[in-house]
Protein backbone atom coordinates (compact mmCIF):
# COMPACT_ATOMS: atom_id res chain seq x y z
CA MET A 1 20.84 29.08 -30.06
CA LYS A 2 21.38 27.53 -33.49
CA ALA A 3 20.84 29.72 -36.53
CA ASN A 4 17.97 27.65 -37.93
CA TYR A 5 15.77 28.21 -34.85
CA LYS A 6 12.86 30.50 -35.68
CA PRO A 7 9.76 31.76 -33.80
CA ILE A 8 6.66 29.71 -34.62
CA GLY A 9 4.75 32.97 -34.97
CA ASP A 10 6.64 33.73 -38.21
CA TYR A 11 4.94 30.74 -39.82
CA ILE A 12 1.41 30.50 -38.39
CA LYS A 13 -1.77 32.58 -38.39
CA LYS A 14 -5.11 32.35 -36.61
CA VAL A 15 -8.18 31.18 -38.51
CA GLU A 16 -11.55 32.71 -37.57
CA ARG A 17 -14.18 30.66 -39.38
CA ARG A 18 -17.42 30.24 -37.43
CA ASN A 19 -20.27 27.84 -38.15
CA ARG A 20 -22.64 30.70 -39.11
CA ASP A 21 -24.59 28.68 -41.68
CA LEU A 22 -24.83 25.64 -39.34
CA LYS A 23 -23.73 23.35 -42.18
CA VAL A 24 -21.08 21.55 -40.09
CA THR A 25 -22.51 19.29 -37.38
CA ARG A 26 -19.64 17.06 -36.24
CA LEU A 27 -18.23 18.36 -32.94
CA LEU A 28 -14.88 16.99 -31.74
CA GLY A 29 -12.89 17.45 -28.55
CA LEU A 30 -9.13 17.46 -27.98
CA SER A 31 -7.51 14.65 -26.01
CA MET A 32 -4.45 14.66 -23.77
CA THR A 33 -2.80 12.38 -26.35
CA LYS A 34 -3.07 15.22 -28.90
CA GLU A 35 -5.73 13.55 -30.99
CA PHE A 36 -9.36 14.31 -31.73
CA ARG A 37 -11.97 12.55 -29.62
CA GLU A 38 -15.73 12.36 -29.82
CA THR A 39 -17.13 15.10 -27.61
CA THR A 40 -18.90 14.24 -24.35
CA SER A 41 -20.45 17.71 -24.03
CA ASN A 42 -24.22 18.12 -23.88
CA ILE A 43 -24.95 20.42 -26.84
CA ILE A 44 -28.76 20.28 -26.71
CA GLY A 45 -30.02 23.85 -27.03
CA THR A 46 -26.49 25.18 -27.67
CA ASP A 47 -25.89 27.87 -30.28
CA MET A 48 -23.64 25.95 -32.67
CA SER A 49 -23.15 28.97 -34.93
CA VAL A 50 -20.36 30.30 -32.69
CA TYR A 51 -18.34 27.08 -32.82
CA ARG A 52 -15.13 27.10 -34.83
CA VAL A 53 -14.92 25.19 -38.12
CA MET A 54 -11.71 23.31 -38.91
CA SER A 55 -10.41 22.25 -42.31
CA LYS A 56 -7.55 19.99 -43.38
CA TYR A 57 -4.06 20.94 -42.13
CA GLN A 58 -5.42 23.28 -39.46
CA PHE A 59 -4.56 23.07 -35.76
CA ALA A 60 -6.72 23.52 -32.66
CA CYS A 61 -5.41 23.85 -29.11
CA ASP A 62 -6.58 24.28 -25.53
CA PHE A 63 -4.41 26.98 -23.97
CA MET A 64 -5.81 26.52 -20.45
CA SER A 65 -4.85 22.85 -20.03
CA PRO A 66 -1.09 23.12 -19.31
CA ILE A 67 -1.64 24.76 -15.92
CA ARG A 68 -3.95 21.88 -14.94
CA VAL A 69 -2.45 18.77 -16.51
CA ASN A 70 1.07 19.82 -17.62
CA LYS A 71 0.20 19.17 -21.27
CA LEU A 72 -0.90 21.36 -24.15
CA PRO A 73 -3.63 19.55 -26.10
CA VAL A 74 -3.01 20.54 -29.70
CA VAL A 75 -4.29 18.56 -32.68
CA LEU A 76 -3.59 18.70 -36.40
CA LYS A 77 -6.52 17.89 -38.69
CA LEU A 78 -5.49 15.51 -41.48
CA ASP A 79 -8.82 14.38 -42.95
CA ASP A 80 -10.94 16.22 -45.52
CA GLU A 81 -14.29 16.39 -43.70
CA PRO A 82 -14.79 19.70 -41.81
CA ASN A 83 -15.51 19.49 -38.09
CA LEU A 84 -16.34 21.81 -35.22
CA VAL A 85 -14.35 22.53 -32.07
CA SER A 86 -15.23 24.60 -29.03
CA PRO A 87 -15.18 28.38 -29.51
CA ALA A 88 -12.72 28.41 -26.60
CA TYR A 89 -10.11 26.62 -28.73
CA PRO A 90 -8.01 28.83 -31.04
CA VAL A 91 -7.63 27.45 -34.57
CA PHE A 92 -4.56 28.26 -36.64
CA GLU A 93 -2.77 27.15 -39.79
CA ILE A 94 0.58 27.40 -41.54
CA LYS A 95 0.96 30.54 -43.66
CA ASP A 96 3.06 28.84 -46.33
CA ARG A 97 3.35 25.04 -46.40
CA ASN A 98 6.38 25.36 -48.70
CA GLU A 99 8.27 26.81 -45.73
CA LEU A 100 6.88 24.79 -42.79
CA ASP A 101 5.23 21.38 -43.07
CA PRO A 102 2.17 21.03 -40.76
CA GLU A 103 3.07 17.46 -39.81
CA TYR A 104 6.61 18.53 -38.93
CA LEU A 105 5.20 21.22 -36.62
CA MET A 106 2.85 18.67 -35.07
CA MET A 107 5.84 16.43 -34.34
CA TRP A 108 7.35 19.29 -32.35
CA PHE A 109 4.09 19.73 -30.42
CA ARG A 110 4.21 16.03 -29.50
CA ARG A 111 7.55 16.34 -27.73
CA THR A 112 7.47 16.02 -23.94
CA GLU A 113 9.94 18.92 -23.87
CA PHE A 114 7.36 21.14 -25.55
CA ASP A 115 4.76 20.26 -22.89
CA ARG A 116 7.27 21.11 -20.16
CA TYR A 117 8.00 24.42 -21.88
CA ALA A 118 4.29 25.26 -22.14
CA THR A 119 3.80 24.40 -18.46
CA PHE A 120 6.74 26.59 -17.48
CA LYS A 121 5.27 29.48 -19.44
CA CYS A 122 1.93 28.97 -17.65
CA ASP A 123 3.63 29.15 -14.27
CA ALA A 124 5.19 32.47 -15.26
CA ALA A 125 2.03 33.93 -16.81
CA ILE A 126 -0.07 36.49 -14.93
CA ARG A 127 -3.35 34.76 -15.85
CA GLY A 128 -1.97 31.27 -15.30
CA GLY A 129 -2.42 30.00 -18.84
CA TYR A 130 -0.55 29.47 -22.08
CA GLU A 131 -1.34 32.24 -24.54
CA TRP A 132 -1.20 32.81 -28.30
CA ALA A 133 1.71 35.21 -27.78
CA GLU A 134 3.73 32.56 -25.92
CA LEU A 135 3.07 30.04 -28.69
CA CYS A 136 4.21 32.52 -31.34
CA GLU A 137 7.40 33.28 -29.40
CA THR A 138 8.35 29.58 -29.14
CA LEU A 139 11.54 28.85 -31.08
CA ILE A 140 11.85 25.68 -33.14
CA PRO A 141 14.40 24.48 -35.70
CA ILE A 142 13.23 25.07 -39.28
CA PRO A 143 15.34 23.02 -41.68
CA SER A 144 14.65 22.99 -45.42
CA ILE A 145 11.19 21.82 -46.46
CA SER A 146 12.71 18.73 -48.06
CA LYS A 147 14.41 17.86 -44.78
CA GLN A 148 11.15 18.41 -42.91
CA LYS A 149 9.30 16.03 -45.23
CA GLU A 150 12.06 13.45 -44.87
CA ILE A 151 11.72 13.59 -41.06
CA VAL A 152 7.92 13.37 -41.27
CA LYS A 153 8.20 10.33 -43.53
CA GLU A 154 10.47 8.54 -41.04
CA TYR A 155 8.11 9.38 -38.20
CA ASN A 156 5.04 8.18 -40.10
CA VAL A 157 6.68 4.84 -40.90
CA ILE A 158 7.06 4.23 -37.16
CA GLN A 159 3.63 5.65 -36.27
CA ASN A 160 1.87 3.57 -38.93
CA ARG A 161 3.50 0.43 -37.57
CA ILE A 162 2.41 1.39 -34.05
CA THR A 163 -1.15 1.89 -35.31
CA LEU A 164 -1.08 -1.48 -37.07
CA ASN A 165 0.18 -3.14 -33.87
CA GLN A 166 -2.65 -1.61 -31.88
CA GLN A 167 -5.17 -2.84 -34.43
CA LEU A 168 -3.72 -6.37 -34.40
CA ILE A 169 -3.68 -6.51 -30.60
CA LYS A 170 -7.30 -5.34 -30.47
CA LYS A 171 -8.33 -7.90 -33.10
CA LEU A 172 -6.59 -10.74 -31.23
CA GLU A 173 -8.39 -9.81 -28.01
CA GLU A 174 -11.74 -9.60 -29.80
CA THR A 175 -11.11 -12.96 -31.48
CA ALA A 176 -10.22 -14.62 -28.18
CA GLN A 177 -13.42 -13.33 -26.56
CA ALA A 178 -15.45 -14.41 -29.60
CA ILE A 179 -14.03 -17.92 -29.43
CA TYR A 180 -14.68 -18.06 -25.69
CA LYS A 181 -18.32 -17.08 -26.21
CA GLN A 182 -18.77 -19.46 -29.13
CA TRP A 183 -17.34 -22.44 -27.24
CA PHE A 184 -18.21 -21.82 -23.58
CA VAL A 185 -21.44 -19.81 -23.77
CA ASP A 186 -23.09 -20.84 -27.05
CA PHE A 187 -21.55 -24.37 -26.96
CA GLU A 188 -20.71 -24.22 -30.66
CA PHE A 189 -17.20 -25.67 -30.29
CA PRO A 190 -16.15 -28.04 -33.12
CA ASP A 191 -17.50 -31.53 -32.68
CA GLU A 192 -15.57 -34.64 -33.81
CA ASN A 193 -16.58 -33.85 -37.40
CA GLY A 194 -15.50 -30.21 -37.15
CA LYS A 195 -19.10 -28.93 -37.08
CA PRO A 196 -20.64 -26.58 -34.45
CA TYR A 197 -21.59 -28.87 -31.56
CA LYS A 198 -24.97 -27.59 -30.39
CA SER A 199 -26.48 -26.57 -33.73
CA SER A 200 -25.34 -29.88 -35.26
CA GLY A 201 -27.36 -31.91 -32.76
CA GLY A 202 -24.72 -32.43 -30.08
CA GLU A 203 -26.13 -34.16 -26.98
CA MET A 204 -27.21 -31.70 -24.28
CA VAL A 205 -28.33 -32.22 -20.68
CA GLU A 206 -30.22 -30.04 -18.24
CA SER A 207 -28.36 -28.15 -15.51
CA GLU A 208 -28.97 -25.29 -13.11
CA LEU A 209 -27.76 -22.98 -15.90
CA GLY A 210 -29.96 -24.54 -18.54
CA GLU A 211 -28.86 -26.98 -21.22
CA ILE A 212 -25.15 -27.79 -21.34
CA PRO A 213 -23.14 -30.35 -23.37
CA VAL A 214 -23.09 -33.84 -21.96
CA GLY A 215 -20.05 -34.42 -19.75
CA TRP A 216 -19.62 -30.72 -18.93
CA GLU A 217 -19.96 -29.51 -15.30
CA VAL A 218 -21.33 -26.35 -13.70
CA LYS A 219 -18.66 -24.67 -11.59
CA ILE A 220 -17.91 -21.31 -10.02
CA VAL A 221 -14.67 -19.40 -10.49
CA GLY A 222 -13.79 -20.09 -6.86
CA ASP A 223 -13.58 -23.81 -7.69
CA VAL A 224 -10.65 -23.28 -10.05
CA VAL A 225 -8.61 -20.40 -8.60
CA LYS A 226 -7.00 -19.16 -5.42
CA CYS A 227 -7.70 -15.55 -4.51
CA ASN A 228 -5.37 -13.05 -2.80
CA SER A 229 -3.18 -15.88 -1.54
CA SER A 230 0.17 -14.05 -1.35
CA THR A 231 1.05 -10.77 0.36
CA LEU A 232 4.20 -8.78 1.10
CA THR A 233 5.41 -9.30 4.67
CA ASP A 234 8.26 -8.00 6.82
CA ARG A 235 10.14 -11.20 6.02
CA ASP A 236 10.46 -10.22 2.37
CA LYS A 237 13.97 -8.82 1.81
CA PHE A 238 13.45 -6.71 -1.28
CA GLU A 239 15.22 -3.35 -1.33
CA THR A 240 12.95 -2.10 -4.08
CA ILE A 241 9.53 -3.07 -5.36
CA GLU A 242 7.78 -2.63 -8.69
CA TYR A 243 4.32 -1.31 -7.80
CA LEU A 244 1.19 -1.41 -9.96
CA ASP A 245 -1.88 0.57 -8.90
CA THR A 246 -5.41 -0.05 -10.15
CA SER A 247 -5.48 3.04 -12.38
CA SER A 248 -2.31 1.96 -14.21
CA ILE A 249 -3.82 -0.95 -16.13
CA THR A 250 -6.82 -0.90 -18.47
CA ASN A 251 -8.02 -3.70 -20.74
CA ASN A 252 -4.84 -5.69 -20.11
CA GLU A 253 -2.65 -2.71 -21.06
CA ILE A 254 -0.18 -1.63 -18.37
CA GLU A 255 0.42 2.11 -18.58
CA GLY A 256 2.97 2.60 -15.82
CA ILE A 257 4.76 0.74 -13.04
CA GLN A 258 6.32 2.62 -10.13
CA SER A 259 9.78 1.62 -8.88
CA LEU A 260 9.93 2.25 -5.13
CA ASN A 261 12.81 1.92 -2.63
CA LEU A 262 11.51 0.35 0.57
CA ASN A 263 14.06 2.25 2.67
CA GLU A 264 13.73 5.68 1.09
CA ASP A 265 10.38 6.10 -0.63
CA GLU A 266 6.92 6.46 0.85
CA ILE A 267 5.25 3.13 0.15
CA PRO A 268 1.48 3.22 -0.52
CA SER A 269 -0.42 1.43 2.23
CA ARG A 270 -2.21 -0.63 -0.45
CA ALA A 271 1.06 -2.01 -1.89
CA LYS A 272 0.77 -5.50 -0.44
CA ARG A 273 -0.23 -8.15 -2.98
CA LYS A 274 2.51 -10.28 -4.53
CA VAL A 275 1.90 -11.67 -8.00
CA SER A 276 3.34 -14.24 -10.37
CA HIS A 277 3.11 -15.34 -14.00
CA ASN A 278 -0.44 -15.72 -15.39
CA ASP A 279 -2.11 -14.16 -12.35
CA ILE A 280 -5.30 -12.29 -13.18
CA ILE A 281 -5.67 -8.90 -11.48
CA PHE A 282 -9.11 -7.28 -11.36
CA SER A 283 -9.90 -3.93 -9.73
CA THR A 284 -12.84 -4.25 -7.35
CA VAL A 285 -13.86 -0.60 -7.92
CA ARG A 286 -16.11 0.21 -10.90
CA PRO A 287 -15.73 -2.94 -13.01
CA ASN A 288 -16.96 -1.01 -16.07
CA LEU A 289 -13.70 0.99 -16.06
CA ARG A 290 -11.98 -2.27 -17.03
CA HIS A 291 -8.94 -1.94 -14.78
CA PHE A 292 -7.91 -5.57 -15.15
CA GLY A 293 -5.36 -7.74 -16.90
CA ILE A 294 -3.35 -10.94 -16.92
CA LEU A 295 0.27 -10.60 -15.81
CA ARG A 296 3.04 -12.05 -17.94
CA ASN A 297 6.38 -12.85 -16.29
CA PRO A 298 6.32 -10.05 -13.68
CA LYS A 299 9.53 -9.37 -11.78
CA PRO A 300 9.92 -11.25 -8.45
CA ASN A 301 9.61 -7.95 -6.57
CA MET A 302 6.40 -6.84 -8.27
CA ILE A 303 3.60 -5.82 -5.90
CA VAL A 304 0.07 -4.75 -6.80
CA SER A 305 -2.51 -2.75 -4.90
CA THR A 306 -4.96 -4.40 -2.51
CA GLY A 307 -7.56 -2.70 -4.69
CA PHE A 308 -7.04 -5.67 -7.00
CA ALA A 309 -8.43 -9.14 -6.51
CA VAL A 310 -5.57 -11.45 -7.56
CA LEU A 311 -6.73 -14.76 -9.01
CA LYS A 312 -4.30 -17.68 -9.43
CA PRO A 313 -5.45 -20.67 -11.54
CA ASP A 314 -5.49 -23.77 -9.33
CA TYR A 315 -7.14 -26.61 -11.23
CA PRO A 316 -5.83 -29.27 -13.63
CA ASN A 317 -5.44 -27.90 -17.19
CA ILE A 318 -7.07 -24.55 -16.33
CA CYS A 319 -4.93 -21.74 -17.71
CA GLY A 320 -4.88 -18.09 -16.70
CA GLU A 321 -5.97 -17.04 -20.18
CA LEU A 322 -9.21 -19.01 -19.91
CA VAL A 323 -10.02 -17.62 -16.45
CA TYR A 324 -9.28 -14.11 -17.71
CA LEU A 325 -11.63 -14.49 -20.68
CA LEU A 326 -14.28 -15.94 -18.38
CA ILE A 327 -14.39 -13.11 -15.86
CA THR A 328 -13.98 -10.36 -18.51
CA ASN A 329 -16.75 -11.73 -20.71
CA GLU A 330 -19.06 -8.77 -21.45
CA GLU A 331 -22.08 -10.39 -19.81
CA ASN A 332 -20.14 -11.00 -16.61
CA LEU A 333 -18.75 -7.45 -16.61
CA GLN A 334 -22.25 -6.00 -16.86
CA SER A 335 -23.41 -8.22 -14.02
CA LEU A 336 -20.45 -7.19 -11.85
CA GLN A 337 -21.05 -3.50 -12.56
CA ALA A 338 -24.72 -3.83 -11.64
CA ARG A 339 -23.70 -5.46 -8.35
CA ALA A 340 -21.14 -2.69 -7.73
CA GLU A 341 -23.79 0.00 -8.17
CA MET A 342 -25.85 -1.63 -5.42
CA SER A 343 -22.95 -1.43 -2.95
CA VAL A 344 -22.82 1.03 -0.04
CA SER A 345 -19.14 1.89 -0.67
CA THR A 346 -17.93 5.41 -1.46
CA TYR A 347 -17.34 4.19 -5.02
CA PRO A 348 -19.35 1.45 -6.76
CA SER A 349 -17.42 -1.66 -5.73
CA ILE A 350 -17.56 -5.43 -5.69
CA ASN A 351 -16.01 -7.94 -3.32
CA PRO A 352 -13.56 -10.65 -4.41
CA GLU A 353 -16.34 -13.12 -3.59
CA ASP A 354 -18.41 -11.63 -6.40
CA LEU A 355 -15.72 -12.78 -8.83
CA LEU A 356 -15.35 -16.15 -7.16
CA ASN A 357 -19.10 -16.81 -7.36
CA ILE A 358 -19.33 -16.33 -11.15
CA ASN A 359 -20.89 -19.44 -12.67
CA PHE A 360 -19.38 -21.14 -15.71
CA VAL A 361 -19.45 -24.51 -17.39
CA LEU A 362 -16.28 -26.62 -17.25
CA PRO A 363 -15.83 -28.66 -20.46
CA ILE A 364 -14.57 -32.18 -20.86
CA GLU A 365 -10.79 -32.52 -20.79
CA LYS A 366 -10.36 -32.78 -24.58
CA ILE A 367 -12.14 -29.48 -25.22
CA LEU A 368 -10.38 -27.83 -22.29
CA LEU A 369 -6.93 -28.80 -23.62
CA THR A 370 -7.76 -27.61 -27.13
CA ALA A 371 -9.10 -24.28 -25.87
CA THR A 372 -6.02 -23.84 -23.66
CA GLU A 373 -3.72 -24.32 -26.65
CA ILE A 374 -5.67 -21.79 -28.73
CA PHE A 375 -5.90 -19.13 -26.03
CA LYS A 376 -2.25 -19.43 -25.00
CA SER A 377 -1.07 -19.02 -28.60
CA GLN A 378 -3.29 -15.95 -29.10
CA PHE A 379 -2.12 -14.29 -25.90
CA GLU A 380 1.52 -15.12 -26.72
CA LEU A 381 1.18 -13.43 -30.11
CA SER A 382 -0.48 -10.43 -28.45
CA ASP A 383 2.38 -10.27 -25.91
CA ASN A 384 4.95 -10.21 -28.71
CA LEU A 385 3.07 -7.40 -30.45
CA LYS A 386 3.00 -5.43 -27.20
CA LYS A 387 6.77 -5.82 -26.84
CA GLU A 388 7.21 -4.56 -30.39
CA PHE A 389 4.82 -1.71 -29.63
CA LYS A 390 6.99 -0.69 -26.66
CA VAL A 391 10.17 -0.69 -28.77
CA LEU A 392 8.48 1.31 -31.54
CA SER A 393 7.14 3.84 -29.03
CA GLU A 394 10.63 4.31 -27.60
CA LEU A 395 12.00 4.77 -31.12
CA LYS A 396 9.29 7.33 -31.90
CA ASN A 397 10.08 9.29 -28.73
CA LEU A 398 13.79 9.19 -29.56
CA LEU A 399 13.08 10.66 -33.00
CA LEU A 400 10.96 13.40 -31.45
CA SER A 401 13.65 14.23 -28.91
CA LYS A 402 16.25 14.59 -31.65
CA LEU A 403 14.23 17.25 -33.45
CA ALA A 404 16.04 19.83 -31.34
CA THR A 405 19.34 18.95 -33.04
CA ILE A 406 18.03 18.79 -36.61
CA GLU A 407 20.01 20.80 -39.16
CA ASN A 408 19.87 21.03 -42.93
């Protein structure tokens, strides 16, 4: 063990401040990503005076989680406004911030190696949990305070860029949906003079969906896509497959793809749907959980679960981005969820036909081509930001992993 490794307990102390005067009202929970989250607990009639009050640069943790989820939720408070946490969560702080920087310690807590260590300690504990004593006995490298601040600064540069990327990706997605609604629901696309079509007196005609722009047609999604048209068969000669399950994608963000050997690994019975570029995948269980996305250049051996409906654009000038925005429009999602809740399935579910029967209005070719160009460019920019996000995340994890070798 290197000489600069010290027990955390030499540098931290518990804080016992309760909400006796009931002045603090904001209650926060701890997430598995080691961040605060808005609580989902029902606190009506609860005695809030026993809840713990947190101040800036204090930590809160949930010692019982490692045995259940192999992670220790621990969060560092960095804002000035006091908040409450459950009385079950110990709160602690650094004794002397000139010896140990709170953000440096939090970096250590974010390491996957630390979570594995905490889980190991839980397995060995009599009561099956991680305890204050085990935390205090944990050894970490303590370089000089100037070195700690230098490391924290490097980490924050990466983390701030990651945060900015997430904000830009979210804004691009919101903008794309806003444009879709403005053009294809409100019919306020730019007319030949650049003014909003409908509100500027653009010619409208009656349809089964109400008034629509002249020249536009009422369609259903099934008119412009193929659904579940390609499956894995015995004739496919892949040795391995890349498998995506329904729980591994949310709001067009893929969180994990399994690599499976067809000759050695147990292949899920639902691993049957083949996919290609610009396919839309939409989980048919609980649409409100938003397990859907649009695939970009998947590998030839990528397979997705039969829990997805796979939609392939199949109409002149219809792009996957437009179909994706159509079926994930908030109004359509609410309608699909309402239909799911009427189902007799074990879980609220829809059928692929429910997606295919969604009504929409197909614009004239000029508007369709313009919208396609806009949506493709927005999704391409979002894709590039997601690639950068992945690289930055890998860099952040590399920095965290190297903490174990830090010296003065």
